[in-house]
N, C-alpha and C. Protein backbone atom coordinates (compact mmCIF):
# COMPACT_ATOMS: atom_id res chain seq x y z
N UNK A 1 54.91 20.81 127.55
CA UNK A 1 55.59 21.58 128.90
C UNK A 1 54.49 21.21 130.07
N UNK A 2 53.18 21.08 129.48
CA UNK A 2 52.09 20.92 130.25
C UNK A 2 52.04 19.44 130.45
N UNK A 3 52.52 18.64 130.12
CA UNK A 3 52.88 17.05 130.36
C UNK A 3 53.61 17.00 131.43
N UNK A 4 54.76 17.56 131.96
CA UNK A 4 55.83 17.51 132.32
C UNK A 4 55.44 18.04 133.71
N UNK A 5 54.32 19.21 133.86
CA UNK A 5 53.73 19.88 134.54
C UNK A 5 52.44 18.80 135.47
N UNK A 6 52.01 18.13 134.52
CA UNK A 6 51.06 16.81 135.01
C UNK A 6 51.85 15.70 135.32
N UNK A 7 53.00 15.43 135.31
CA UNK A 7 54.04 14.54 135.45
C UNK A 7 54.32 14.33 137.32
N UNK A 8 54.61 15.93 137.13
CA UNK A 8 55.41 16.29 138.45
C UNK A 8 53.92 16.37 139.09
N UNK A 9 53.48 16.91 138.98
CA UNK A 9 51.72 16.27 139.46
C UNK A 9 51.77 14.84 139.90
N UNK A 10 51.09 14.20 139.83
CA UNK A 10 51.22 13.11 139.86
C UNK A 10 52.24 12.13 140.38
N UNK A 11 53.44 12.84 140.26
CA UNK A 11 54.49 12.17 141.09
C UNK A 11 54.38 12.60 141.99
N UNK A 12 54.36 14.11 143.31
CA UNK A 12 53.81 14.90 144.19
C UNK A 12 53.28 14.09 144.68
N UNK A 13 51.50 13.61 144.08
CA UNK A 13 50.53 12.70 144.54
C UNK A 13 51.18 11.63 145.50
N UNK A 14 51.54 10.98 144.53
CA UNK A 14 52.36 9.77 144.71
C UNK A 14 53.00 9.92 146.24
N UNK A 15 54.26 10.81 145.68
CA UNK A 15 55.54 11.02 147.34
C UNK A 15 54.32 11.76 148.32
N UNK A 16 53.60 12.15 148.48
CA UNK A 16 52.54 12.72 149.77
C UNK A 16 52.40 11.68 150.49
N UNK A 17 51.86 10.46 149.89
CA UNK A 17 51.46 8.70 150.00
C UNK A 17 53.13 8.77 151.21
N UNK A 18 54.31 8.99 150.24
CA UNK A 18 55.36 8.48 151.23
C UNK A 18 56.48 9.42 151.17
N UNK A 19 56.10 10.23 151.81
CA UNK A 19 56.99 11.46 152.10
C UNK A 19 58.50 11.12 152.13
N UNK A 20 59.34 10.33 152.63
CA UNK A 20 60.37 10.30 152.20
C UNK A 20 61.05 10.00 150.78
N UNK A 21 60.09 9.23 149.60
CA UNK A 21 60.32 9.52 148.30
C UNK A 21 60.31 10.42 148.14
N UNK A 22 59.84 11.54 148.04
CA UNK A 22 59.05 12.95 147.55
C UNK A 22 60.35 13.55 146.84
N UNK A 23 61.77 13.52 147.48
CA UNK A 23 62.78 13.62 146.95
C UNK A 23 63.85 13.12 146.51
N UNK A 24 63.13 12.07 146.04
CA UNK A 24 63.80 11.16 145.24
C UNK A 24 63.61 11.32 144.03
N UNK A 25 61.86 11.18 144.48
CA UNK A 25 60.93 11.06 142.67
C UNK A 25 61.12 12.65 142.27
N UNK A 26 61.65 13.27 142.59
CA UNK A 26 61.29 14.98 142.08
C UNK A 26 63.51 15.05 141.63
N UNK A 27 64.48 14.12 142.07
CA UNK A 27 65.55 14.30 141.50
C UNK A 27 65.54 13.41 140.22
N UNK A 28 64.85 12.41 140.51
CA UNK A 28 64.51 11.43 139.13
C UNK A 28 63.93 12.23 137.92
N UNK A 29 62.82 13.36 138.34
CA UNK A 29 61.94 13.67 137.55
C UNK A 29 62.88 15.07 136.86
N UNK A 30 63.89 15.59 137.41
CA UNK A 30 64.66 16.57 137.40
C UNK A 30 65.75 16.41 136.50
N UNK A 31 66.36 14.69 136.54
CA UNK A 31 67.27 14.63 135.98
C UNK A 31 66.90 13.56 134.77
N UNK A 32 65.42 13.30 134.44
CA UNK A 32 65.01 13.05 133.63
C UNK A 32 65.27 14.95 132.54
N UNK A 33 64.60 15.61 133.26
CA UNK A 33 64.14 16.45 132.11
C UNK A 33 65.34 17.02 131.75
N UNK A 34 66.60 16.97 132.52
CA UNK A 34 67.89 17.35 132.09
C UNK A 34 68.27 16.50 130.99
N UNK A 35 68.17 15.33 131.17
CA UNK A 35 69.24 14.51 130.41
C UNK A 35 68.12 14.10 128.95
N UNK A 36 66.86 14.76 128.77
CA UNK A 36 65.67 14.54 127.82
C UNK A 36 65.22 13.32 127.61
N UNK A 37 64.76 12.67 128.78
CA UNK A 37 63.91 11.47 128.52
C UNK A 37 62.16 12.30 128.32
N UNK A 38 62.11 13.55 129.29
CA UNK A 38 60.65 14.29 128.73
C UNK A 38 61.52 15.18 127.20
N UNK A 39 60.43 15.05 126.86
CA UNK A 39 61.13 15.64 125.45
C UNK A 39 60.44 17.28 125.18
N UNK A 40 61.12 18.61 125.42
CA UNK A 40 60.73 19.59 125.04
C UNK A 40 61.64 19.73 123.45
N UNK A 41 60.45 20.85 123.27
CA UNK A 41 60.85 20.92 121.69
C UNK A 41 62.38 21.72 121.75
N UNK A 42 63.52 21.25 120.73
CA UNK A 42 64.47 21.51 121.12
C UNK A 42 65.04 21.53 119.46
N UNK A 43 65.96 23.25 119.62
CA UNK A 43 66.58 23.43 117.88
C UNK A 43 67.52 22.76 117.95
N UNK A 44 67.26 22.65 117.02
CA UNK A 44 69.29 21.59 116.27
C UNK A 44 70.36 21.81 117.60
N UNK A 45 70.37 20.51 118.19
CA UNK A 45 71.53 20.22 119.10
C UNK A 45 72.73 19.68 118.60
N UNK A 46 74.28 20.00 119.50
CA UNK A 46 74.96 19.63 119.07
C UNK A 46 75.08 18.02 119.00
N UNK A 47 74.38 17.55 119.91
CA UNK A 47 74.04 15.97 120.09
C UNK A 47 73.26 15.26 118.38
N UNK A 48 71.88 16.10 118.33
CA UNK A 48 71.54 15.78 116.73
C UNK A 48 72.16 16.09 115.35
N UNK A 49 73.31 16.92 115.32
CA UNK A 49 74.05 17.47 114.93
C UNK A 49 75.35 16.22 114.31
N UNK A 50 76.04 15.46 115.30
CA UNK A 50 76.53 14.41 115.51
C UNK A 50 76.01 12.92 114.66
N UNK A 51 74.45 13.23 115.52
CA UNK A 51 73.72 12.13 115.04
C UNK A 51 73.99 11.67 113.77
N UNK A 52 73.58 12.89 112.86
CA UNK A 52 72.61 13.49 111.80
C UNK A 52 73.97 13.80 110.85
N UNK A 53 75.21 13.43 111.49
CA UNK A 53 76.66 14.22 110.31
C UNK A 53 76.99 12.79 109.64
N UNK A 54 77.62 13.07 108.32
CA UNK A 54 78.30 12.22 107.47
C UNK A 54 79.79 13.01 106.51
N UNK A 55 79.94 11.99 106.40
CA UNK A 55 81.47 12.63 106.00
C UNK A 55 81.54 12.95 104.86
N UNK A 56 82.00 14.50 104.41
CA UNK A 56 82.03 14.57 102.95
C UNK A 56 83.61 14.88 102.80
N UNK A 57 83.78 14.93 101.56
CA UNK A 57 85.08 15.37 100.64
C UNK A 57 85.26 17.09 101.09
N UNK A 58 85.87 17.83 101.57
CA UNK A 58 85.68 19.00 101.09
C UNK A 58 87.67 19.02 100.87
N UNK A 59 87.85 20.98 100.23
CA UNK A 59 89.04 20.86 99.87
C UNK A 59 88.59 22.99 99.87
N UNK A 60 89.56 23.11 99.56
CA UNK A 60 89.12 24.47 99.48
C UNK A 60 89.77 25.60 98.48
N UNK A 61 88.99 26.42 98.01
CA UNK A 61 89.08 27.51 96.58
C UNK A 61 89.71 28.99 96.86
N UNK A 62 89.85 30.01 96.44
CA UNK A 62 90.03 30.85 96.73
C UNK A 62 89.80 31.63 95.19
N UNK A 63 89.87 33.13 95.52
CA UNK A 63 89.55 33.87 93.70
C UNK A 63 90.85 33.84 93.08
N UNK A 64 91.74 32.84 93.48
CA UNK A 64 92.96 33.09 91.97
C UNK A 64 92.18 33.15 90.81
N UNK A 65 92.71 33.56 90.10
CA UNK A 65 92.93 33.46 88.63
C UNK A 65 92.33 32.36 88.22
N UNK A 66 93.71 31.52 88.63
CA UNK A 66 93.44 30.34 88.29
C UNK A 66 92.42 29.53 88.15
N UNK A 67 91.57 29.88 89.29
CA UNK A 67 90.01 28.88 90.17
C UNK A 67 89.08 29.82 89.37
N UNK A 68 89.45 30.70 89.88
CA UNK A 68 87.70 31.87 89.09
C UNK A 68 87.63 32.55 87.36
N UNK A 69 88.82 32.21 86.60
CA UNK A 69 89.59 32.85 85.50
C UNK A 69 88.42 34.03 85.59
N UNK A 70 88.69 34.99 86.57
CA UNK A 70 88.45 36.31 86.83
C UNK A 70 89.36 36.95 87.45
N UNK A 71 89.58 38.22 87.00
CA UNK A 71 91.04 39.09 87.73
C UNK A 71 89.52 40.24 88.35
N UNK A 72 90.59 40.88 89.34
CA UNK A 72 89.73 41.66 90.23
C UNK A 72 89.19 42.99 89.80
N UNK A 73 89.45 43.16 88.63
CA UNK A 73 88.82 44.53 87.98
C UNK A 73 87.66 43.86 87.15
N UNK A 74 87.14 42.64 87.04
CA UNK A 74 85.82 42.07 86.57
C UNK A 74 85.15 42.26 87.82
N UNK A 75 83.95 42.59 86.91
CA UNK A 75 82.30 42.86 87.79
C UNK A 75 81.93 42.05 88.79
N UNK A 76 82.22 40.53 88.31
CA UNK A 76 81.79 39.56 88.65
C UNK A 76 82.65 38.79 89.78
N UNK A 77 83.73 39.73 90.07
CA UNK A 77 84.83 38.77 90.87
C UNK A 77 84.57 38.99 92.35
N UNK A 78 84.52 37.83 92.67
CA UNK A 78 84.44 37.99 94.46
C UNK A 78 82.42 37.15 94.51
N UNK A 79 81.77 37.21 93.66
CA UNK A 79 80.37 37.30 93.77
C UNK A 79 80.06 35.82 93.51
N UNK A 80 79.23 35.21 93.98
CA UNK A 80 78.67 33.10 94.24
C UNK A 80 77.82 33.62 93.08
N UNK A 81 77.70 32.26 92.92
CA UNK A 81 76.68 31.69 92.56
C UNK A 81 74.60 32.61 92.73
N UNK A 82 75.25 32.24 94.10
CA UNK A 82 73.89 33.33 94.41
C UNK A 82 73.37 34.43 94.29
N UNK A 83 74.92 35.24 93.95
CA UNK A 83 74.57 36.29 94.47
C UNK A 83 75.66 37.46 95.30
N UNK A 84 76.21 36.37 96.50
CA UNK A 84 76.21 37.05 97.37
C UNK A 84 77.84 37.05 97.63
N UNK A 85 78.22 38.39 98.01
CA UNK A 85 80.02 38.30 97.81
C UNK A 85 80.75 37.37 98.63
N UNK A 86 81.59 36.30 98.03
CA UNK A 86 82.02 35.36 98.92
C UNK A 86 82.97 35.74 100.25
N UNK A 87 82.50 35.28 101.33
CA UNK A 87 83.07 35.64 102.27
C UNK A 87 83.77 34.44 103.51
N UNK A 88 85.05 34.85 103.69
CA UNK A 88 86.17 34.11 104.27
C UNK A 88 85.15 33.55 105.79
N UNK A 89 85.10 32.29 106.22
CA UNK A 89 84.26 31.50 107.08
C UNK A 89 82.28 31.81 107.07
N UNK A 90 82.48 32.33 106.28
CA UNK A 90 81.36 32.00 105.77
C UNK A 90 80.09 30.73 104.48
N UNK A 91 81.41 31.19 103.43
CA UNK A 91 81.06 30.95 101.79
C UNK A 91 81.19 29.49 101.64
N UNK A 92 80.82 28.50 101.10
CA UNK A 92 81.44 26.97 100.81
C UNK A 92 80.55 26.71 99.03
N UNK A 93 81.37 26.31 98.33
CA UNK A 93 80.47 26.11 97.33
C UNK A 93 80.55 24.76 97.21
N UNK A 94 79.06 24.17 96.75
CA UNK A 94 78.72 22.72 96.90
C UNK A 94 78.16 22.42 95.77
N UNK A 95 77.31 21.21 95.21
CA UNK A 95 77.00 20.75 93.78
C UNK A 95 75.55 20.72 94.43
N UNK A 96 74.48 21.35 93.80
CA UNK A 96 73.01 21.90 94.23
C UNK A 96 72.74 20.42 94.30
N UNK A 97 73.17 19.46 94.00
CA UNK A 97 72.00 18.13 93.63
C UNK A 97 71.65 17.54 94.60
N UNK A 98 73.18 17.66 95.77
CA UNK A 98 73.31 17.25 96.89
C UNK A 98 73.14 18.00 97.98
N UNK A 99 73.68 19.14 97.92
CA UNK A 99 73.10 19.76 99.23
C UNK A 99 72.73 21.40 98.41
N UNK A 100 71.34 21.52 98.90
CA UNK A 100 70.58 22.54 98.49
C UNK A 100 71.35 24.13 98.43
N UNK A 101 71.33 25.20 98.07
CA UNK A 101 71.99 26.33 98.10
C UNK A 101 71.49 27.12 99.15
N UNK A 102 72.24 27.58 99.67
CA UNK A 102 71.37 28.49 100.93
C UNK A 102 71.23 27.62 102.38
N UNK A 103 71.79 26.25 102.29
CA UNK A 103 71.65 25.39 103.23
C UNK A 103 72.99 25.98 104.50
N UNK A 104 72.52 25.54 105.85
CA UNK A 104 73.83 25.71 106.92
C UNK A 104 74.54 24.77 107.21
N UNK A 105 76.05 24.82 106.65
CA UNK A 105 76.93 23.76 106.73
C UNK A 105 77.38 23.58 108.11
N UNK A 106 77.28 22.63 109.20
CA UNK A 106 78.27 22.37 110.30
C UNK A 106 79.43 21.75 110.11
N UNK A 107 80.25 22.15 109.90
CA UNK A 107 81.58 21.25 109.69
C UNK A 107 82.29 21.05 111.61
N UNK A 108 82.16 19.66 111.80
CA UNK A 108 82.11 19.75 112.98
C UNK A 108 83.33 19.41 114.14
N UNK A 109 84.62 19.58 112.97
CA UNK A 109 85.96 19.79 113.75
C UNK A 109 86.58 21.41 113.71
N UNK A 110 85.69 21.23 112.74
CA UNK A 110 86.13 23.58 112.82
C UNK A 110 86.95 23.41 111.39
N UNK A 111 87.40 24.59 110.78
CA UNK A 111 88.17 24.77 110.25
C UNK A 111 89.20 26.38 110.45
N UNK A 112 90.29 25.57 110.04
CA UNK A 112 91.13 26.82 110.59
C UNK A 112 91.72 27.84 109.32
N UNK A 113 90.80 29.38 109.28
CA UNK A 113 91.16 30.19 108.37
C UNK A 113 91.54 31.61 108.93
N UNK A 114 92.84 31.36 108.54
CA UNK A 114 93.68 32.93 108.29
C UNK A 114 93.91 32.88 110.06
N UNK A 115 93.92 32.10 110.48
CA UNK A 115 94.10 32.27 112.10
C UNK A 115 92.93 31.79 112.86
N UNK A 116 91.94 31.84 112.26
CA UNK A 116 90.37 31.71 113.24
C UNK A 116 89.54 30.36 112.87
N UNK A 117 89.01 29.27 114.18
CA UNK A 117 88.35 28.44 113.43
C UNK A 117 87.24 28.43 113.17
N UNK A 118 86.82 28.37 112.63
CA UNK A 118 84.82 28.38 111.84
C UNK A 118 84.38 27.08 111.95
N UNK A 119 83.07 27.09 112.49
CA UNK A 119 82.41 25.32 111.99
C UNK A 119 81.06 25.87 111.45
N UNK A 120 80.66 26.65 111.31
CA UNK A 120 79.23 27.05 110.27
C UNK A 120 79.33 28.07 109.09
N UNK A 121 78.84 27.45 108.11
CA UNK A 121 79.27 28.11 106.74
C UNK A 121 77.56 28.04 105.98
N UNK A 122 77.61 28.69 104.86
CA UNK A 122 76.66 28.52 104.07
C UNK A 122 76.46 28.62 103.02
N UNK A 123 76.04 27.35 102.09
CA UNK A 123 76.33 26.92 100.34
C UNK A 123 75.42 28.01 100.13
N UNK A 124 76.95 29.17 99.19
CA UNK A 124 76.14 30.10 98.53
C UNK A 124 76.97 30.17 97.09
N UNK A 125 77.81 28.95 96.95
CA UNK A 125 78.06 29.09 96.00
C UNK A 125 78.32 27.77 94.74
N UNK A 126 79.00 27.71 93.65
CA UNK A 126 78.58 26.07 93.29
C UNK A 126 80.67 26.08 92.08
N UNK A 127 80.89 25.25 92.05
CA UNK A 127 82.13 24.76 91.23
C UNK A 127 81.67 23.81 90.11
N UNK A 128 82.82 24.03 88.79
CA UNK A 128 82.46 23.10 87.89
C UNK A 128 83.27 21.69 88.38
N UNK A 129 84.41 22.49 89.80
CA UNK A 129 84.91 20.53 89.93
C UNK A 129 83.78 20.25 91.08
N UNK A 130 83.12 20.76 91.76
CA UNK A 130 82.81 20.02 92.78
C UNK A 130 81.70 19.56 92.68
N UNK A 131 81.79 18.26 92.70
CA UNK A 131 80.67 17.30 92.39
C UNK A 131 80.31 16.42 93.14
N UNK A 132 79.03 15.97 93.63
CA UNK A 132 78.47 14.77 94.65
C UNK A 132 78.85 15.57 96.06
N UNK A 133 79.06 14.53 96.92
CA UNK A 133 79.23 14.49 98.23
C UNK A 133 81.28 15.44 98.94
N UNK A 134 80.79 16.53 97.96
CA UNK A 134 81.76 17.73 98.49
C UNK A 134 81.66 18.83 98.32
N UNK A 135 82.51 19.75 99.58
CA UNK A 135 82.25 20.69 100.19
C UNK A 135 83.61 21.72 99.56
N UNK A 136 84.00 22.83 99.12
CA UNK A 136 84.99 23.51 98.72
C UNK A 136 84.74 25.19 99.51
N UNK A 137 85.48 25.20 100.25
CA UNK A 137 85.77 25.85 101.47
C UNK A 137 86.17 27.59 100.67
N UNK A 138 85.90 28.29 101.27
CA UNK A 138 86.20 29.59 100.50
C UNK A 138 87.12 30.06 101.06
N UNK A 139 88.70 30.12 101.18
CA UNK A 139 89.91 30.72 102.06
C UNK A 139 89.81 31.85 101.95
N UNK A 140 89.87 32.89 100.71
CA UNK A 140 89.52 34.29 100.37
C UNK A 140 90.23 34.38 99.35
N UNK A 141 91.06 35.74 99.09
CA UNK A 141 91.42 36.22 97.83
C UNK A 141 92.85 35.43 97.37
N UNK A 142 93.06 35.79 96.12
CA UNK A 142 94.35 35.52 95.35
C UNK A 142 95.90 35.38 96.53
N UNK A 143 95.60 35.90 97.06
CA UNK A 143 97.02 35.85 98.39
C UNK A 143 96.88 34.57 98.97
N UNK A 144 95.70 33.81 99.24
CA UNK A 144 95.67 32.60 100.01
C UNK A 144 95.70 31.24 99.61
N UNK A 145 95.63 31.58 97.92
CA UNK A 145 96.06 30.42 97.22
C UNK A 145 96.91 29.32 97.62
N UNK A 146 97.97 29.90 97.72
CA UNK A 146 98.88 28.79 98.22
C UNK A 146 98.31 27.77 100.10
N UNK A 147 97.62 28.94 100.79
CA UNK A 147 96.95 27.97 101.69
C UNK A 147 95.82 27.29 101.32
N UNK A 148 94.85 27.27 100.32
CA UNK A 148 94.04 26.92 100.00
C UNK A 148 94.66 25.53 99.54
N UNK A 149 96.01 25.59 98.26
CA UNK A 149 96.48 24.55 98.04
C UNK A 149 96.94 23.29 99.33
N UNK A 150 97.50 24.07 99.95
CA UNK A 150 98.37 23.38 101.38
C UNK A 150 97.27 22.45 102.11
N UNK A 151 96.01 23.19 102.14
CA UNK A 151 94.67 22.68 102.86
C UNK A 151 94.46 21.35 101.96
N UNK A 152 94.30 21.31 100.34
CA UNK A 152 94.07 20.08 100.04
C UNK A 152 92.64 19.24 100.13
N UNK A 153 92.96 18.03 100.61
CA UNK A 153 91.61 16.90 100.50
C UNK A 153 91.59 16.52 101.61
N UNK A 154 90.46 16.98 102.10
CA UNK A 154 89.91 16.35 103.57
C UNK A 154 89.00 15.59 103.59
N UNK A 155 88.68 14.12 104.40
CA UNK A 155 87.47 13.99 104.59
C UNK A 155 86.96 14.14 105.96
N UNK A 156 85.96 15.06 106.46
CA UNK A 156 85.49 15.56 107.33
C UNK A 156 83.83 15.06 107.81
N UNK A 157 83.22 15.16 109.14
CA UNK A 157 82.14 15.12 109.38
C UNK A 157 81.40 16.54 109.47
N UNK A 158 80.61 16.07 108.57
CA UNK A 158 79.99 17.03 108.31
C UNK A 158 78.10 17.31 108.47
N UNK A 159 77.28 18.26 108.83
CA UNK A 159 75.73 18.37 109.26
C UNK A 159 75.34 19.19 108.21
N UNK A 160 74.54 19.05 107.76
CA UNK A 160 73.71 19.59 106.82
C UNK A 160 72.40 19.75 107.47
N UNK A 161 71.91 21.27 107.89
CA UNK A 161 71.16 21.59 108.64
C UNK A 161 69.73 21.84 107.47
N UNK A 162 69.11 21.01 108.21
CA UNK A 162 67.51 20.54 107.16
C UNK A 162 67.63 19.43 106.32
N UNK A 163 68.56 18.86 105.92
CA UNK A 163 69.13 18.00 105.39
C UNK A 163 68.03 16.90 105.74
N UNK A 164 67.95 15.71 105.01
CA UNK A 164 66.95 14.49 105.61
C UNK A 164 67.70 13.79 105.34
């Protein structure tokens, strides 16, 4: 920030000698700041996400017995690999060799689950069939099984926060 103040003062002093250019120089400075020519410390921006996103294979899963091999009365039913309760719009399963557990995952196009669109997920689970650059999105309990099957397999642009 101090660098920007110094730059502003320098521009102002130059402009003092030529008053009619002051407003032009000030406008250029403001536009430069707005469009990021002068770098401020930025948190994860949408532009950064697009620039650093890659294509991942995405699938969907539920708590249907055919997928998790647990019935609703099982003590581990609905628990993820990390111990969290699987939650629609938050939980995804990943291959931890590719995406560290706990990573924040942004699916750029979003995913509609039960009529609501979600963009940000957390890698909380793993799965026997989840290998490599694949993300398995949690769609809900066994009642959502047909919707998960209908989702099928899609290749989507994904940004993993903190992934280098």
